[in-house]
Amino acid sequence: MIGVIAKLTIAAGKEAAFETAATALMGHVIANEPGVITYQLHKSKSDPQVYIFMEQYVDQQALDAHGKTDYFIAAQPVLSPLLAAMPDVQYFDSVE
């Protein structure tokens, strides 16, 4: 299993637009990707501009497939202008 934490800092005043677009993306991922175990958006309690996607994939193939879906690719030009900084994406192997 592969874990991913994607930390996103959103430009001030763009939080609602980000949540709308990110929630739509999350719905597509959950509905269409059987190799995704978890794909959940969380908002920081201490900084309203910071969000993380907590993601788990069954394997590298599922993670690779996620990044190639039409809806993920289409979401990038919508989400990118809402960011205040480059995403901080970290990858993890499960410890079993």
PDB file of N, CA and C in Angstrom:
ATOM      1  N   MET A   1       0.850  -1.178   0.000  1.00  0.00           N
ATOM      2  CA  MET A   1       0.000   0.000   0.000  1.00  0.00           C
ATOM      3  C   MET A   1       0.891   1.235   0.000  1.00  0.00           C
ATOM      4  N   ILE A   2       0.450   2.267  -0.708  1.00  0.00           N
ATOM      5  CA  ILE A   2       1.175   3.531  -0.796  1.00  0.00           C
ATOM      6  C   ILE A   2       0.308   4.637  -0.212  1.00  0.00           C
ATOM      7  N   GLY A   3       0.907   5.449   0.646  1.00  0.00           N
ATOM      8  CA  GLY A   3       0.223   6.600   1.216  1.00  0.00           C
ATOM      9  C   GLY A   3       0.758   7.878   0.613  1.00  0.00           C
ATOM     10  N   VAL A   4      -0.109   8.850   0.461  1.00  0.00           N
ATOM     11  CA  VAL A   4       0.272  10.157  -0.061  1.00  0.00           C
ATOM     12  C   VAL A   4      -0.371  11.223   0.816  1.00  0.00           C
ATOM     13  N   ILE A   5       0.433  12.214   1.172  1.00  0.00           N
ATOM     14  CA  ILE A   5      -0.079  13.405   1.843  1.00  0.00           C
ATOM     15  C   ILE A   5       0.259  14.584   0.938  1.00  0.00           C
ATOM     16  N   ALA A   6      -0.764  15.258   0.455  1.00  0.00           N
ATOM     17  CA  ALA A   6      -0.570  16.428  -0.405  1.00  0.00           C
ATOM     18  C   ALA A   6      -1.058  17.650   0.358  1.00  0.00           C
ATOM     19  N   LYS A   7      -0.109  18.484   0.775  1.00  0.00           N
ATOM     20  CA  LYS A   7      -0.432  19.704   1.513  1.00  0.00           C
ATOM     21  C   LYS A   7      -0.547  20.854   0.524  1.00  0.00           C
ATOM     22  N   LEU A   8      -1.683  21.541   0.576  1.00  0.00           N
ATOM     23  CA  LEU A   8      -1.973  22.624  -0.351  1.00  0.00           C
ATOM     24  C   LEU A   8      -2.292  23.903   0.428  1.00  0.00           C
ATOM     25  N   THR A   9      -1.620  24.974   0.086  1.00  0.00           N
ATOM     26  CA  THR A   9      -1.908  26.276   0.678  1.00  0.00           C
ATOM     27  C   THR A   9      -2.655  27.089  -0.369  1.00  0.00           C
ATOM     28  N   ILE A  10      -3.849  27.535   0.019  1.00  0.00           N
ATOM     29  CA  ILE A  10      -4.760  28.196  -0.906  1.00  0.00           C
ATOM     30  C   ILE A  10      -4.656  29.713  -0.743  1.00  0.00           C
ATOM     31  N   ALA A  11      -4.741  30.434  -1.848  1.00  0.00           N
ATOM     32  CA  ALA A  11      -4.705  31.893  -1.805  1.00  0.00           C
ATOM     33  C   ALA A  11      -5.887  32.420  -0.989  1.00  0.00           C
ATOM     34  N   ALA A  12      -5.640  33.476  -0.244  1.00  0.00           N
ATOM     35  CA  ALA A  12      -6.681  34.084   0.588  1.00  0.00           C
ATOM     36  C   ALA A  12      -7.888  34.463  -0.271  1.00  0.00           C
ATOM     37  N   GLY A  13      -9.057  34.101   0.216  1.00  0.00           N
ATOM     38  CA  GLY A  13     -10.294  34.404  -0.480  1.00  0.00           C
ATOM     39  C   GLY A  13     -10.686  33.386  -1.536  1.00  0.00           C
ATOM     40  N   LYS A  14      -9.843  32.395  -1.773  1.00  0.00           N
ATOM     41  CA  LYS A  14     -10.107  31.378  -2.795  1.00  0.00           C
ATOM     42  C   LYS A  14     -10.521  30.032  -2.189  1.00  0.00           C
ATOM     43  N   GLU A  15     -10.697  29.999  -0.876  1.00  0.00           N
ATOM     44  CA  GLU A  15     -10.979  28.736  -0.195  1.00  0.00           C
ATOM     45  C   GLU A  15     -12.270  28.077  -0.676  1.00  0.00           C
ATOM     46  N   ALA A  16     -13.329  28.833  -0.836  1.00  0.00           N
ATOM     47  CA  ALA A  16     -14.614  28.256  -1.257  1.00  0.00           C
ATOM     48  C   ALA A  16     -14.510  27.666  -2.665  1.00  0.00           C
ATOM     49  N   ALA A  17     -13.863  28.383  -3.565  1.00  0.00           N
ATOM     50  CA  ALA A  17     -13.683  27.864  -4.934  1.00  0.00           C
ATOM     51  C   ALA A  17     -12.837  26.600  -4.914  1.00  0.00           C
ATOM     52  N   PHE A  18     -11.794  26.593  -4.087  1.00  0.00           N
ATOM     53  CA  PHE A  18     -10.955  25.402  -3.968  1.00  0.00           C
ATOM     54  C   PHE A  18     -11.763  24.222  -3.442  1.00  0.00           C
ATOM     55  N   GLU A  19     -12.527  24.448  -2.387  1.00  0.00           N
ATOM     56  CA  GLU A  19     -13.309  23.349  -1.803  1.00  0.00           C
ATOM     57  C   GLU A  19     -14.308  22.782  -2.803  1.00  0.00           C
ATOM     58  N   THR A  20     -14.924  23.629  -3.585  1.00  0.00           N
ATOM     59  CA  THR A  20     -15.876  23.160  -4.601  1.00  0.00           C
ATOM     60  C   THR A  20     -15.178  22.272  -5.629  1.00  0.00           C
ATOM     61  N   ALA A  21     -14.059  22.741  -6.163  1.00  0.00           N
ATOM     62  CA  ALA A  21     -13.336  21.980  -7.181  1.00  0.00           C
ATOM     63  C   ALA A  21     -12.721  20.706  -6.600  1.00  0.00           C
ATOM     64  N   ALA A  22     -12.142  20.802  -5.419  1.00  0.00           N
ATOM     65  CA  ALA A  22     -11.498  19.647  -4.797  1.00  0.00           C
ATOM     66  C   ALA A  22     -12.523  18.585  -4.406  1.00  0.00           C
ATOM     67  N   THR A  23     -13.688  19.012  -3.947  1.00  0.00           N
ATOM     68  CA  THR A  23     -14.744  18.063  -3.586  1.00  0.00           C
ATOM     69  C   THR A  23     -15.255  17.325  -4.827  1.00  0.00           C
ATOM     70  N   ALA A  24     -15.379  18.045  -5.927  1.00  0.00           N
ATOM     71  CA  ALA A  24     -15.792  17.401  -7.183  1.00  0.00           C
ATOM     72  C   ALA A  24     -14.754  16.363  -7.609  1.00  0.00           C
ATOM     73  N   LEU A  25     -13.475  16.724  -7.529  1.00  0.00           N
ATOM     74  CA  LEU A  25     -12.413  15.776  -7.865  1.00  0.00           C
ATOM     75  C   LEU A  25     -12.481  14.559  -6.957  1.00  0.00           C
ATOM     76  N   MET A  26     -12.648  14.781  -5.672  1.00  0.00           N
ATOM     77  CA  MET A  26     -12.724  13.687  -4.712  1.00  0.00           C
ATOM     78  C   MET A  26     -13.861  12.732  -5.075  1.00  0.00           C
ATOM     79  N   GLY A  27     -15.004  13.253  -5.458  1.00  0.00           N
ATOM     80  CA  GLY A  27     -16.130  12.417  -5.855  1.00  0.00           C
ATOM     81  C   GLY A  27     -15.809  11.547  -7.057  1.00  0.00           C
ATOM     82  N   HIS A  28     -15.134  12.109  -8.051  1.00  0.00           N
ATOM     83  CA  HIS A  28     -14.734  11.329  -9.231  1.00  0.00           C
ATOM     84  C   HIS A  28     -13.769  10.209  -8.849  1.00  0.00           C
ATOM     85  N   VAL A  29     -12.799  10.536  -8.013  1.00  0.00           N
ATOM     86  CA  VAL A  29     -11.803   9.540  -7.610  1.00  0.00           C
ATOM     87  C   VAL A  29     -12.473   8.384  -6.879  1.00  0.00           C
ATOM     88  N   ILE A  30     -13.295   8.697  -5.906  1.00  0.00           N
ATOM     89  CA  ILE A  30     -13.947   7.659  -5.104  1.00  0.00           C
ATOM     90  C   ILE A  30     -14.863   6.798  -5.966  1.00  0.00           C
ATOM     91  N   ALA A  31     -15.562   7.399  -6.912  1.00  0.00           N
ATOM     92  CA  ALA A  31     -16.521   6.668  -7.748  1.00  0.00           C
ATOM     93  C   ALA A  31     -15.865   5.821  -8.829  1.00  0.00           C
ATOM     94  N   ASN A  32     -14.652   6.193  -9.258  1.00  0.00           N
ATOM     95  CA  ASN A  32     -14.093   5.572 -10.453  1.00  0.00           C
ATOM     96  C   ASN A  32     -12.766   4.831 -10.293  1.00  0.00           C
ATOM     97  N   GLU A  33     -12.162   4.894  -9.130  1.00  0.00           N
ATOM     98  CA  GLU A  33     -10.830   4.290  -8.992  1.00  0.00           C
ATOM     99  C   GLU A  33     -10.836   3.212  -7.909  1.00  0.00           C
ATOM    100  N   PRO A  34     -11.016   1.954  -8.315  1.00  0.00           N
ATOM    101  CA  PRO A  34     -11.047   0.878  -7.326  1.00  0.00           C
ATOM    102  C   PRO A  34      -9.719   0.665  -6.606  1.00  0.00           C
ATOM    103  N   GLY A  35      -8.626   1.167  -7.156  1.00  0.00           N
ATOM    104  CA  GLY A  35      -7.320   1.032  -6.511  1.00  0.00           C
ATOM    105  C   GLY A  35      -7.053   2.078  -5.451  1.00  0.00           C
ATOM    106  N   VAL A  36      -8.008   2.972  -5.242  1.00  0.00           N
ATOM    107  CA  VAL A  36      -7.882   4.005  -4.209  1.00  0.00           C
ATOM    108  C   VAL A  36      -8.606   3.533  -2.959  1.00  0.00           C
ATOM    109  N   ILE A  37      -7.876   3.461  -1.873  1.00  0.00           N
ATOM    110  CA  ILE A  37      -8.456   3.054  -0.588  1.00  0.00           C
ATOM    111  C   ILE A  37      -9.023   4.268   0.136  1.00  0.00           C
ATOM    112  N   THR A  38      -8.262   5.362   0.131  1.00  0.00           N
ATOM    113  CA  THR A  38      -8.665   6.599   0.798  1.00  0.00           C
ATOM    114  C   THR A  38      -8.284   7.781  -0.078  1.00  0.00           C
ATOM    115  N   TYR A  39      -9.191   8.727  -0.208  1.00  0.00           N
ATOM    116  CA  TYR A  39      -8.910   9.982  -0.905  1.00  0.00           C
ATOM    117  C   TYR A  39      -9.779  11.028  -0.232  1.00  0.00           C
ATOM    118  N   GLN A  40      -9.234  11.666   0.783  1.00  0.00           N
ATOM    119  CA  GLN A  40     -10.037  12.537   1.633  1.00  0.00           C
ATOM    120  C   GLN A  40      -9.363  13.888   1.806  1.00  0.00           C
ATOM    121  N   LEU A  41     -10.143  14.941   1.691  1.00  0.00           N
ATOM    122  CA  LEU A  41      -9.659  16.303   1.877  1.00  0.00           C
ATOM    123  C   LEU A  41      -9.909  16.732   3.316  1.00  0.00           C
ATOM    124  N   HIS A  42      -8.890  17.350   3.916  1.00  0.00           N
ATOM    125  CA  HIS A  42      -8.998  17.885   5.279  1.00  0.00           C
ATOM    126  C   HIS A  42      -8.514  19.327   5.285  1.00  0.00           C
ATOM    127  N   LYS A  43      -9.145  20.147   6.135  1.00  0.00           N
ATOM    128  CA  LYS A  43      -8.788  21.562   6.288  1.00  0.00           C
ATOM    129  C   LYS A  43      -8.149  21.766   7.655  1.00  0.00           C
ATOM    130  N   SER A  44      -7.067  22.505   7.695  1.00  0.00           N
ATOM    131  CA  SER A  44      -6.368  22.784   8.945  1.00  0.00           C
ATOM    132  C   SER A  44      -7.270  23.550   9.919  1.00  0.00           C
ATOM    133  N   LYS A  45      -7.185  23.169  11.180  1.00  0.00           N
ATOM    134  CA  LYS A  45      -7.923  23.898  12.215  1.00  0.00           C
ATOM    135  C   LYS A  45      -7.205  25.182  12.624  1.00  0.00           C
ATOM    136  N   SER A  46      -5.895  25.239  12.385  1.00  0.00           N
ATOM    137  CA  SER A  46      -5.131  26.407  12.814  1.00  0.00           C
ATOM    138  C   SER A  46      -4.853  27.404  11.691  1.00  0.00           C
ATOM    139  N   ASP A  47      -4.974  26.984  10.435  1.00  0.00           N
ATOM    140  CA  ASP A  47      -4.714  27.874   9.307  1.00  0.00           C
ATOM    141  C   ASP A  47      -5.755  27.598   8.217  1.00  0.00           C
ATOM    142  N   PRO A  48      -6.740  28.469   8.057  1.00  0.00           N
ATOM    143  CA  PRO A  48      -7.845  28.203   7.128  1.00  0.00           C
ATOM    144  C   PRO A  48      -7.443  28.148   5.657  1.00  0.00           C
ATOM    145  N   GLN A  49      -6.207  28.476   5.346  1.00  0.00           N
ATOM    146  CA  GLN A  49      -5.739  28.397   3.962  1.00  0.00           C
ATOM    147  C   GLN A  49      -4.990  27.098   3.670  1.00  0.00           C
ATOM    148  N   VAL A  50      -4.814  26.249   4.661  1.00  0.00           N
ATOM    149  CA  VAL A  50      -4.047  25.012   4.479  1.00  0.00           C
ATOM    150  C   VAL A  50      -4.983  23.803   4.472  1.00  0.00           C
ATOM    151  N   TYR A  51      -4.814  22.979   3.459  1.00  0.00           N
ATOM    152  CA  TYR A  51      -5.578  21.749   3.282  1.00  0.00           C
ATOM    153  C   TYR A  51      -4.610  20.605   3.033  1.00  0.00           C
ATOM    154  N   ILE A  52      -5.057  19.392   3.328  1.00  0.00           N
ATOM    155  CA  ILE A  52      -4.300  18.219   2.906  1.00  0.00           C
ATOM    156  C   ILE A  52      -5.254  17.200   2.291  1.00  0.00           C
ATOM    157  N   PHE A  53      -4.767  16.562   1.254  1.00  0.00           N
ATOM    158  CA  PHE A  53      -5.402  15.352   0.756  1.00  0.00           C
ATOM    159  C   PHE A  53      -4.670  14.195   1.399  1.00  0.00           C
ATOM    160  N   MET A  54      -5.397  13.333   2.084  1.00  0.00           N
ATOM    161  CA  MET A  54      -4.848  12.089   2.618  1.00  0.00           C
ATOM    162  C   MET A  54      -5.284  10.995   1.659  1.00  0.00           C
ATOM    163  N   GLU A  55      -4.297  10.306   1.074  1.00  0.00           N
ATOM    164  CA  GLU A  55      -4.581   9.342   0.022  1.00  0.00           C
ATOM    165  C   GLU A  55      -3.903   8.007   0.327  1.00  0.00           C
ATOM    166  N   GLN A  56      -4.574   6.914  -0.025  1.00  0.00           N
ATOM    167  CA  GLN A  56      -3.987   5.577   0.054  1.00  0.00           C
ATOM    168  C   GLN A  56      -4.346   4.821  -1.210  1.00  0.00           C
ATOM    169  N   TYR A  57      -3.349   4.165  -1.771  1.00  0.00           N
ATOM    170  CA  TYR A  57      -3.516   3.389  -2.997  1.00  0.00           C
ATOM    171  C   TYR A  57      -3.072   1.955  -2.749  1.00  0.00           C
ATOM    172  N   VAL A  58      -3.712   1.012  -3.419  1.00  0.00           N
ATOM    173  CA  VAL A  58      -3.362  -0.394  -3.216  1.00  0.00           C
ATOM    174  C   VAL A  58      -1.953  -0.696  -3.691  1.00  0.00           C
ATOM    175  N   ASP A  59      -1.482   0.025  -4.718  1.00  0.00           N
ATOM    176  CA  ASP A  59      -0.136  -0.213  -5.238  1.00  0.00           C
ATOM    177  C   ASP A  59       0.286   0.950  -6.132  1.00  0.00           C
ATOM    178  N   GLN A  60       1.508   0.865  -6.645  1.00  0.00           N
ATOM    179  CA  GLN A  60       2.037   1.925  -7.497  1.00  0.00           C
ATOM    180  C   GLN A  60       1.229   2.080  -8.778  1.00  0.00           C
ATOM    181  N   GLN A  61       0.736   0.977  -9.302  1.00  0.00           N
ATOM    182  CA  GLN A  61      -0.074   1.025 -10.524  1.00  0.00           C
ATOM    183  C   GLN A  61      -1.328   1.878 -10.310  1.00  0.00           C
ATOM    184  N   ALA A  62      -1.970   1.736  -9.165  1.00  0.00           N
ATOM    185  CA  ALA A  62      -3.166   2.535  -8.863  1.00  0.00           C
ATOM    186  C   ALA A  62      -2.819   4.018  -8.718  1.00  0.00           C
ATOM    187  N   LEU A  63      -1.684   4.305  -8.088  1.00  0.00           N
ATOM    188  CA  LEU A  63      -1.240   5.692  -7.941  1.00  0.00           C
ATOM    189  C   LEU A  63      -0.936   6.301  -9.310  1.00  0.00           C
ATOM    190  N   ASP A  64      -0.234   5.553 -10.151  1.00  0.00           N
ATOM    191  CA  ASP A  64       0.086   6.045 -11.495  1.00  0.00           C
ATOM    192  C   ASP A  64      -1.182   6.288 -12.311  1.00  0.00           C
ATOM    193  N   ALA A  65      -2.136   5.372 -12.213  1.00  0.00           N
ATOM    194  CA  ALA A  65      -3.389   5.500 -12.960  1.00  0.00           C
ATOM    195  C   ALA A  65      -4.166   6.738 -12.516  1.00  0.00           C
ATOM    196  N   HIS A  66      -4.137   7.035 -11.229  1.00  0.00           N
ATOM    197  CA  HIS A  66      -4.843   8.203 -10.693  1.00  0.00           C
ATOM    198  C   HIS A  66      -4.405   9.489 -11.402  1.00  0.00           C
ATOM    199  N   GLY A  67      -3.110   9.664 -11.543  1.00  0.00           N
ATOM    200  CA  GLY A  67      -2.585  10.874 -12.156  1.00  0.00           C
ATOM    201  C   GLY A  67      -2.850  10.994 -13.650  1.00  0.00           C
ATOM    202  N   LYS A  68      -3.320   9.910 -14.261  1.00  0.00           N
ATOM    203  CA  LYS A  68      -3.582   9.907 -15.704  1.00  0.00           C
ATOM    204  C   LYS A  68      -5.067   9.981 -16.050  1.00  0.00           C
ATOM    205  N   THR A  69      -5.927  10.053 -15.039  1.00  0.00           N
ATOM    206  CA  THR A  69      -7.363  10.105 -15.330  1.00  0.00           C
ATOM    207  C   THR A  69      -7.728  11.448 -15.944  1.00  0.00           C
ATOM    208  N   ASP A  70      -8.754  11.419 -16.793  1.00  0.00           N
ATOM    209  CA  ASP A  70      -9.212  12.648 -17.458  1.00  0.00           C
ATOM    210  C   ASP A  70      -9.635  13.711 -16.450  1.00  0.00           C
ATOM    211  N   TYR A  71     -10.344  13.293 -15.390  1.00  0.00           N
ATOM    212  CA  TYR A  71     -10.840  14.269 -14.416  1.00  0.00           C
ATOM    213  C   TYR A  71      -9.717  14.852 -13.564  1.00  0.00           C
ATOM    214  N   PHE A  72      -8.662  14.071 -13.267  1.00  0.00           N
ATOM    215  CA  PHE A  72      -7.528  14.618 -12.518  1.00  0.00           C
ATOM    216  C   PHE A  72      -6.793  15.642 -13.379  1.00  0.00           C
ATOM    217  N   ILE A  73      -6.557  15.300 -14.624  1.00  0.00           N
ATOM    218  CA  ILE A  73      -5.879  16.217 -15.545  1.00  0.00           C
ATOM    219  C   ILE A  73      -6.714  17.485 -15.746  1.00  0.00           C
ATOM    220  N   ALA A  74      -8.021  17.338 -15.901  1.00  0.00           N
ATOM    221  CA  ALA A  74      -8.902  18.494 -16.097  1.00  0.00           C
ATOM    222  C   ALA A  74      -8.973  19.385 -14.859  1.00  0.00           C
ATOM    223  N   ALA A  75      -8.774  18.825 -13.678  1.00  0.00           N
ATOM    224  CA  ALA A  75      -8.850  19.603 -12.436  1.00  0.00           C
ATOM    225  C   ALA A  75      -7.637  20.508 -12.241  1.00  0.00           C
ATOM    226  N   GLN A  76      -6.518  20.174 -12.840  1.00  0.00           N
ATOM    227  CA  GLN A  76      -5.293  20.932 -12.587  1.00  0.00           C
ATOM    228  C   GLN A  76      -5.389  22.411 -13.009  1.00  0.00           C
ATOM    229  N   PRO A  77      -5.891  22.739 -14.201  1.00  0.00           N
ATOM    230  CA  PRO A  77      -5.994  24.168 -14.539  1.00  0.00           C
ATOM    231  C   PRO A  77      -7.055  24.913 -13.729  1.00  0.00           C
ATOM    232  N   VAL A  78      -7.943  24.191 -13.084  1.00  0.00           N
ATOM    233  CA  VAL A  78      -8.939  24.815 -12.205  1.00  0.00           C
ATOM    234  C   VAL A  78      -8.331  25.060 -10.830  1.00  0.00           C
ATOM    235  N   LEU A  79      -7.622  24.068 -10.300  1.00  0.00           N
ATOM    236  CA  LEU A  79      -7.070  24.159  -8.951  1.00  0.00           C
ATOM    237  C   LEU A  79      -5.802  25.018  -8.873  1.00  0.00           C
ATOM    238  N   SER A  80      -4.940  24.922  -9.858  1.00  0.00           N
ATOM    239  CA  SER A  80      -3.640  25.608  -9.802  1.00  0.00           C
ATOM    240  C   SER A  80      -3.728  27.113  -9.546  1.00  0.00           C
ATOM    241  N   PRO A  81      -4.637  27.838 -10.194  1.00  0.00           N
ATOM    242  CA  PRO A  81      -4.705  29.284  -9.934  1.00  0.00           C
ATOM    243  C   PRO A  81      -5.182  29.636  -8.526  1.00  0.00           C
ATOM    244  N   LEU A  82      -5.713  28.667  -7.812  1.00  0.00           N
ATOM    245  CA  LEU A  82      -6.213  28.913  -6.459  1.00  0.00           C
ATOM    246  C   LEU A  82      -5.129  28.746  -5.398  1.00  0.00           C
ATOM    247  N   LEU A  83      -3.979  28.210  -5.799  1.00  0.00           N
ATOM    248  CA  LEU A  83      -2.903  27.929  -4.854  1.00  0.00           C
ATOM    249  C   LEU A  83      -2.070  29.169  -4.563  1.00  0.00           C
ATOM    250  N   ALA A  84      -1.642  29.289  -3.301  1.00  0.00           N
ATOM    251  CA  ALA A  84      -0.754  30.372  -2.894  1.00  0.00           C
ATOM    252  C   ALA A  84       0.706  29.930  -2.945  1.00  0.00           C
ATOM    253  N   ALA A  85       0.938  28.624  -3.054  1.00  0.00           N
ATOM    254  CA  ALA A  85       2.294  28.069  -3.077  1.00  0.00           C
ATOM    255  C   ALA A  85       2.251  26.723  -3.788  1.00  0.00           C
ATOM    256  N   MET A  86       3.416  26.238  -4.157  1.00  0.00           N
ATOM    257  CA  MET A  86       3.507  24.918  -4.775  1.00  0.00           C
ATOM    258  C   MET A  86       3.048  23.861  -3.762  1.00  0.00           C
ATOM    259  N   PRO A  87       2.348  22.827  -4.219  1.00  0.00           N
ATOM    260  CA  PRO A  87       1.937  21.756  -3.306  1.00  0.00           C
ATOM    261  C   PRO A  87       3.150  21.039  -2.715  1.00  0.00           C
ATOM    262  N   ASP A  88       3.001  20.587  -1.488  1.00  0.00           N
ATOM    263  CA  ASP A  88       4.012  19.770  -0.815  1.00  0.00           C
ATOM    264  C   ASP A  88       3.458  18.353  -0.785  1.00  0.00           C
ATOM    265  N   VAL A  89       3.963  17.495  -1.672  1.00  0.00           N
ATOM    266  CA  VAL A  89       3.458  16.127  -1.790  1.00  0.00           C
ATOM    267  C   VAL A  89       4.504  15.163  -1.273  1.00  0.00           C
ATOM    268  N   GLN A  90       4.089  14.317  -0.337  1.00  0.00           N
ATOM    269  CA  GLN A  90       4.981  13.318   0.244  1.00  0.00           C
ATOM    270  C   GLN A  90       4.390  11.934   0.041  1.00  0.00           C
ATOM    271  N   TYR A  91       5.264  10.965  -0.227  1.00  0.00           N
ATOM    272  CA  TYR A  91       4.862   9.593  -0.513  1.00  0.00           C
ATOM    273  C   TYR A  91       5.394   8.677   0.589  1.00  0.00           C
ATOM    274  N   PHE A  92       4.584   7.668   0.946  1.00  0.00           N
ATOM    275  CA  PHE A  92       4.924   6.778   2.046  1.00  0.00           C
ATOM    276  C   PHE A  92       4.624   5.333   1.664  1.00  0.00           C
ATOM    277  N   ASP A  93       5.469   4.429   2.135  1.00  0.00           N
ATOM    278  CA  ASP A  93       5.191   3.002   2.037  1.00  0.00           C
ATOM    279  C   ASP A  93       4.555   2.555   3.340  1.00  0.00           C
ATOM    280  N   SER A  94       3.596   1.648   3.256  1.00  0.00           N
ATOM    281  CA  SER A  94       2.955   1.167   4.480  1.00  0.00           C
ATOM    282  C   SER A  94       3.919   0.253   5.232  1.00  0.00           C
ATOM    283  N   VAL A  95       3.791   0.266   6.520  1.00  0.00           N
ATOM    284  CA  VAL A  95       4.590  -0.594   7.393  1.00  0.00           C
ATOM    285  C   VAL A  95       3.671  -1.690   7.877  1.00  0.00           C
ATOM    286  N   GLU A  96       3.954  -2.916   7.486  1.00  0.00           N
ATOM    287  CA  GLU A  96       3.079  -4.027   7.835  1.00  0.00           C
ATOM    288  C   GLU A  96       3.822  -5.076   8.614  1.00  0.00           C
TER     289      GLU A  96
END
